[in-house]
Amino acid sequence: MFKTISPKEVSSAINEGSRLKVIDVREPQEFLLARVNIAEPFPMSSIAEWLPLLDPSEPVVVMCHHGVRSAYVCNILLANGFEDVSNMTGGIDLWSVEVDQAVPRY
């Protein structure tokens, strides 16, 4: 089972020097609309291409628009041997509300 983490917790962890890898599984057109600077784009539609590029022993936080697609990807990561996987609840939408209001909501 994956863990859940709030946008505020992700922001705090990064600010405290945590080495979390934050991946954004939204599609490229969504990433262009709004993004979080610490997140790397890994579109869910291309998971077969990027999954082998990730280190299964590295902590990963997965985010999307609201948290549904990221939960799906979390389960795929766990099924592929990833050990420390967290879903960012509320996605970029909640990030925009709780952490950085400069990030556009859509």
N, C-alpha and C. Protein backbone atom coordinates (compact mmCIF):
# COMPACT_ATOMS: atom_id res chain seq x y z
N MET A 1 0.84 -1.19 0.00
CA MET A 1 0.00 0.00 0.00
C MET A 1 0.88 1.25 0.00
N PHE A 2 0.53 2.19 -0.84
CA PHE A 2 1.28 3.43 -0.87
C PHE A 2 0.84 4.34 0.27
N LYS A 3 1.71 5.29 0.58
CA LYS A 3 1.41 6.29 1.61
C LYS A 3 0.76 7.50 0.94
N THR A 4 0.17 8.34 1.75
CA THR A 4 -0.33 9.62 1.24
C THR A 4 0.46 10.73 1.93
N ILE A 5 0.61 11.82 1.20
CA ILE A 5 1.34 12.97 1.72
C ILE A 5 0.65 14.23 1.18
N SER A 6 0.52 15.22 2.02
CA SER A 6 -0.15 16.45 1.60
C SER A 6 0.84 17.35 0.87
N PRO A 7 0.33 18.28 0.08
CA PRO A 7 1.23 19.25 -0.56
C PRO A 7 2.09 20.01 0.45
N LYS A 8 1.49 20.39 1.59
CA LYS A 8 2.27 21.10 2.62
C LYS A 8 3.41 20.23 3.13
N GLU A 9 3.17 18.94 3.32
CA GLU A 9 4.21 18.03 3.80
C GLU A 9 5.32 17.86 2.75
N VAL A 10 4.95 17.79 1.49
CA VAL A 10 5.94 17.69 0.43
C VAL A 10 6.81 18.94 0.42
N SER A 11 6.17 20.10 0.46
CA SER A 11 6.90 21.36 0.46
C SER A 11 7.85 21.45 1.65
N SER A 12 7.36 21.10 2.83
CA SER A 12 8.21 21.13 4.04
C SER A 12 9.39 20.18 3.91
N ALA A 13 9.13 18.97 3.44
CA ALA A 13 10.21 17.99 3.30
C ALA A 13 11.29 18.49 2.34
N ILE A 14 10.87 19.05 1.23
CA ILE A 14 11.84 19.58 0.25
C ILE A 14 12.61 20.75 0.86
N ASN A 15 11.92 21.65 1.55
CA ASN A 15 12.57 22.80 2.18
C ASN A 15 13.55 22.38 3.27
N GLU A 16 13.31 21.22 3.88
CA GLU A 16 14.20 20.71 4.92
C GLU A 16 15.34 19.87 4.36
N GLY A 17 15.41 19.78 3.03
CA GLY A 17 16.53 19.08 2.40
C GLY A 17 16.28 17.62 2.06
N SER A 18 15.05 17.17 2.15
CA SER A 18 14.75 15.78 1.80
C SER A 18 15.03 15.55 0.32
N ARG A 19 15.45 14.34 0.01
CA ARG A 19 15.77 13.98 -1.37
C ARG A 19 14.60 13.30 -2.07
N LEU A 20 13.41 13.76 -1.80
CA LEU A 20 12.24 13.17 -2.45
C LEU A 20 12.30 13.41 -3.95
N LYS A 21 11.95 12.39 -4.70
CA LYS A 21 11.77 12.56 -6.14
C LYS A 21 10.28 12.75 -6.35
N VAL A 22 9.91 13.91 -6.85
CA VAL A 22 8.50 14.22 -7.10
C VAL A 22 8.26 14.10 -8.59
N ILE A 23 7.34 13.21 -8.96
CA ILE A 23 7.02 13.05 -10.38
C ILE A 23 5.57 13.47 -10.62
N ASP A 24 5.37 14.15 -11.71
CA ASP A 24 4.06 14.65 -12.11
C ASP A 24 3.59 13.80 -13.28
N VAL A 25 2.51 13.03 -13.09
CA VAL A 25 2.07 12.10 -14.12
C VAL A 25 0.98 12.68 -15.03
N ARG A 26 0.75 13.98 -14.93
CA ARG A 26 -0.20 14.61 -15.85
C ARG A 26 0.39 14.63 -17.26
N GLU A 27 -0.43 14.87 -18.22
CA GLU A 27 0.01 14.90 -19.61
C GLU A 27 0.71 16.23 -19.93
N PRO A 28 1.53 16.24 -21.00
CA PRO A 28 2.33 17.44 -21.30
C PRO A 28 1.54 18.73 -21.41
N GLN A 29 0.35 18.70 -22.00
CA GLN A 29 -0.45 19.92 -22.13
C GLN A 29 -0.89 20.43 -20.76
N GLU A 30 -1.12 19.53 -19.81
CA GLU A 30 -1.48 19.94 -18.45
C GLU A 30 -0.27 20.54 -17.74
N PHE A 31 0.89 19.94 -17.96
CA PHE A 31 2.12 20.42 -17.34
C PHE A 31 2.42 21.84 -17.81
N LEU A 32 2.10 22.15 -19.06
CA LEU A 32 2.30 23.50 -19.58
C LEU A 32 1.36 24.52 -18.93
N LEU A 33 0.16 24.08 -18.55
CA LEU A 33 -0.81 24.98 -17.92
C LEU A 33 -0.38 25.39 -16.52
N ALA A 34 0.12 24.43 -15.76
CA ALA A 34 0.48 24.68 -14.36
C ALA A 34 1.47 23.61 -13.94
N ARG A 35 2.51 24.05 -13.20
CA ARG A 35 3.48 23.06 -12.74
C ARG A 35 4.10 23.49 -11.43
N VAL A 36 4.65 22.49 -10.76
CA VAL A 36 5.37 22.68 -9.51
C VAL A 36 6.85 22.51 -9.86
N ASN A 37 7.67 23.49 -9.51
CA ASN A 37 9.07 23.48 -9.93
C ASN A 37 9.85 22.25 -9.50
N ILE A 38 9.49 21.66 -8.38
CA ILE A 38 10.23 20.49 -7.89
C ILE A 38 9.82 19.19 -8.58
N ALA A 39 8.74 19.22 -9.35
CA ALA A 39 8.22 18.01 -9.97
C ALA A 39 8.78 17.82 -11.38
N GLU A 40 9.08 16.57 -11.68
CA GLU A 40 9.55 16.20 -13.02
C GLU A 40 8.38 15.60 -13.80
N PRO A 41 8.24 15.96 -15.07
CA PRO A 41 7.12 15.40 -15.85
C PRO A 41 7.40 13.96 -16.29
N PHE A 42 6.50 13.07 -15.90
CA PHE A 42 6.53 11.67 -16.29
C PHE A 42 5.08 11.29 -16.63
N PRO A 43 4.61 11.60 -17.84
CA PRO A 43 3.20 11.38 -18.19
C PRO A 43 2.76 9.93 -18.01
N MET A 44 1.59 9.76 -17.42
CA MET A 44 1.07 8.43 -17.20
C MET A 44 0.95 7.65 -18.51
N SER A 45 0.62 8.34 -19.60
CA SER A 45 0.46 7.66 -20.89
C SER A 45 1.76 7.07 -21.42
N SER A 46 2.90 7.48 -20.86
CA SER A 46 4.21 6.99 -21.31
C SER A 46 4.90 6.17 -20.23
N ILE A 47 4.15 5.61 -19.32
CA ILE A 47 4.75 4.93 -18.16
C ILE A 47 5.71 3.81 -18.57
N ALA A 48 5.42 3.10 -19.63
CA ALA A 48 6.31 2.00 -20.07
C ALA A 48 7.68 2.53 -20.47
N GLU A 49 7.74 3.76 -20.94
CA GLU A 49 9.01 4.35 -21.37
C GLU A 49 9.84 4.86 -20.20
N TRP A 50 9.20 5.47 -19.21
CA TRP A 50 9.98 6.09 -18.13
C TRP A 50 10.13 5.23 -16.89
N LEU A 51 9.31 4.23 -16.70
CA LEU A 51 9.40 3.40 -15.50
C LEU A 51 10.80 2.81 -15.30
N PRO A 52 11.45 2.29 -16.35
CA PRO A 52 12.80 1.73 -16.15
C PRO A 52 13.87 2.77 -15.79
N LEU A 53 13.56 4.05 -15.96
CA LEU A 53 14.52 5.11 -15.67
C LEU A 53 14.59 5.48 -14.19
N LEU A 54 13.58 5.08 -13.43
CA LEU A 54 13.52 5.42 -12.01
C LEU A 54 14.22 4.38 -11.16
N ASP A 55 14.74 4.82 -10.04
CA ASP A 55 15.42 3.94 -9.08
C ASP A 55 14.38 3.45 -8.06
N PRO A 56 14.09 2.14 -8.03
CA PRO A 56 13.07 1.62 -7.12
C PRO A 56 13.38 1.82 -5.63
N SER A 57 14.64 2.08 -5.30
CA SER A 57 14.99 2.28 -3.89
C SER A 57 14.88 3.74 -3.45
N GLU A 58 14.65 4.64 -4.40
CA GLU A 58 14.54 6.07 -4.11
C GLU A 58 13.11 6.43 -3.70
N PRO A 59 12.93 7.24 -2.65
CA PRO A 59 11.57 7.68 -2.29
C PRO A 59 10.95 8.48 -3.42
N VAL A 60 9.71 8.16 -3.76
CA VAL A 60 9.01 8.82 -4.86
C VAL A 60 7.68 9.35 -4.37
N VAL A 61 7.40 10.61 -4.71
CA VAL A 61 6.09 11.20 -4.49
C VAL A 61 5.48 11.39 -5.87
N VAL A 62 4.27 10.89 -6.04
CA VAL A 62 3.58 10.98 -7.33
C VAL A 62 2.45 11.98 -7.20
N MET A 63 2.35 12.86 -8.19
CA MET A 63 1.28 13.86 -8.19
C MET A 63 0.61 13.93 -9.56
N CYS A 64 -0.62 14.42 -9.55
CA CYS A 64 -1.35 14.67 -10.80
C CYS A 64 -2.22 15.91 -10.57
N HIS A 65 -3.39 15.96 -11.17
CA HIS A 65 -4.26 17.13 -11.01
C HIS A 65 -4.96 17.12 -9.66
N HIS A 66 -5.59 15.99 -9.31
CA HIS A 66 -6.33 15.91 -8.04
C HIS A 66 -5.93 14.73 -7.17
N GLY A 67 -5.18 13.79 -7.69
CA GLY A 67 -4.72 12.65 -6.88
C GLY A 67 -5.22 11.30 -7.32
N VAL A 68 -6.04 11.24 -8.35
CA VAL A 68 -6.59 9.97 -8.80
C VAL A 68 -5.60 9.22 -9.69
N ARG A 69 -5.12 9.87 -10.73
CA ARG A 69 -4.14 9.21 -11.62
C ARG A 69 -2.86 8.87 -10.86
N SER A 70 -2.46 9.76 -9.97
CA SER A 70 -1.24 9.49 -9.21
C SER A 70 -1.40 8.27 -8.32
N ALA A 71 -2.59 8.05 -7.76
CA ALA A 71 -2.84 6.85 -6.95
C ALA A 71 -2.70 5.60 -7.82
N TYR A 72 -3.21 5.67 -9.02
CA TYR A 72 -3.09 4.54 -9.96
C TYR A 72 -1.62 4.25 -10.25
N VAL A 73 -0.84 5.29 -10.51
CA VAL A 73 0.59 5.12 -10.80
C VAL A 73 1.33 4.61 -9.57
N CYS A 74 0.95 5.06 -8.39
CA CYS A 74 1.58 4.54 -7.16
C CYS A 74 1.46 3.03 -7.09
N ASN A 75 0.28 2.51 -7.40
CA ASN A 75 0.08 1.06 -7.38
C ASN A 75 0.94 0.36 -8.41
N ILE A 76 1.11 0.95 -9.57
CA ILE A 76 1.98 0.36 -10.60
C ILE A 76 3.43 0.35 -10.10
N LEU A 77 3.87 1.44 -9.49
CA LEU A 77 5.23 1.49 -8.97
C LEU A 77 5.45 0.41 -7.92
N LEU A 78 4.52 0.26 -7.00
CA LEU A 78 4.63 -0.77 -5.96
C LEU A 78 4.69 -2.16 -6.58
N ALA A 79 3.88 -2.40 -7.60
CA ALA A 79 3.86 -3.70 -8.28
C ALA A 79 5.17 -3.98 -9.01
N ASN A 80 5.95 -2.93 -9.26
CA ASN A 80 7.22 -3.07 -9.97
C ASN A 80 8.42 -2.94 -9.04
N GLY A 81 8.22 -3.17 -7.76
CA GLY A 81 9.32 -3.26 -6.82
C GLY A 81 9.74 -1.98 -6.14
N PHE A 82 9.00 -0.90 -6.33
CA PHE A 82 9.33 0.35 -5.64
C PHE A 82 8.93 0.20 -4.18
N GLU A 83 9.75 0.75 -3.29
CA GLU A 83 9.57 0.50 -1.87
C GLU A 83 8.95 1.67 -1.11
N ASP A 84 9.26 2.89 -1.50
CA ASP A 84 8.83 4.07 -0.75
C ASP A 84 8.06 5.00 -1.70
N VAL A 85 6.76 4.77 -1.79
CA VAL A 85 5.91 5.47 -2.76
C VAL A 85 4.81 6.21 -2.01
N SER A 86 4.65 7.49 -2.35
CA SER A 86 3.61 8.31 -1.73
C SER A 86 2.79 9.01 -2.80
N ASN A 87 1.50 9.12 -2.55
CA ASN A 87 0.59 9.86 -3.42
C ASN A 87 0.35 11.22 -2.79
N MET A 88 0.57 12.29 -3.57
CA MET A 88 0.31 13.64 -3.05
C MET A 88 -1.19 13.92 -3.16
N THR A 89 -1.84 13.96 -2.01
CA THR A 89 -3.29 14.16 -1.98
C THR A 89 -3.65 15.54 -2.55
N GLY A 90 -4.72 15.55 -3.32
CA GLY A 90 -5.21 16.82 -3.86
C GLY A 90 -4.47 17.32 -5.07
N GLY A 91 -3.34 16.70 -5.40
CA GLY A 91 -2.58 17.05 -6.59
C GLY A 91 -2.17 18.50 -6.67
N ILE A 92 -1.94 18.93 -7.90
CA ILE A 92 -1.48 20.30 -8.12
C ILE A 92 -2.57 21.30 -7.75
N ASP A 93 -3.82 20.87 -7.80
CA ASP A 93 -4.91 21.77 -7.43
C ASP A 93 -4.80 22.17 -5.96
N LEU A 94 -4.57 21.20 -5.08
CA LEU A 94 -4.43 21.51 -3.66
C LEU A 94 -3.10 22.21 -3.39
N TRP A 95 -2.05 21.88 -4.16
CA TRP A 95 -0.76 22.58 -4.03
C TRP A 95 -1.00 24.07 -4.25
N SER A 96 -1.78 24.40 -5.28
CA SER A 96 -2.07 25.79 -5.62
C SER A 96 -2.81 26.50 -4.49
N VAL A 97 -3.64 25.78 -3.77
CA VAL A 97 -4.41 26.37 -2.68
C VAL A 97 -3.56 26.48 -1.41
N GLU A 98 -2.83 25.41 -1.07
CA GLU A 98 -2.13 25.34 0.22
C GLU A 98 -0.69 25.84 0.23
N VAL A 99 -0.01 25.73 -0.91
CA VAL A 99 1.44 26.00 -0.91
C VAL A 99 1.82 27.21 -1.74
N ASP A 100 1.35 27.27 -2.97
CA ASP A 100 1.79 28.33 -3.88
C ASP A 100 0.62 28.81 -4.73
N GLN A 101 0.02 29.91 -4.31
CA GLN A 101 -1.14 30.44 -5.03
C GLN A 101 -0.78 30.99 -6.41
N ALA A 102 0.51 31.11 -6.71
CA ALA A 102 0.93 31.56 -8.04
C ALA A 102 0.78 30.46 -9.08
N VAL A 103 0.63 29.21 -8.64
CA VAL A 103 0.42 28.10 -9.56
C VAL A 103 -1.04 28.16 -9.99
N PRO A 104 -1.28 28.30 -11.30
CA PRO A 104 -2.68 28.43 -11.78
C PRO A 104 -3.51 27.19 -11.49
N ARG A 105 -4.78 27.41 -11.21
CA ARG A 105 -5.74 26.31 -11.07
C ARG A 105 -6.49 26.19 -12.37
N TYR A 106 -6.83 24.99 -12.73
CA TYR A 106 -7.60 24.77 -13.96
C TYR A 106 -8.60 23.66 -13.78
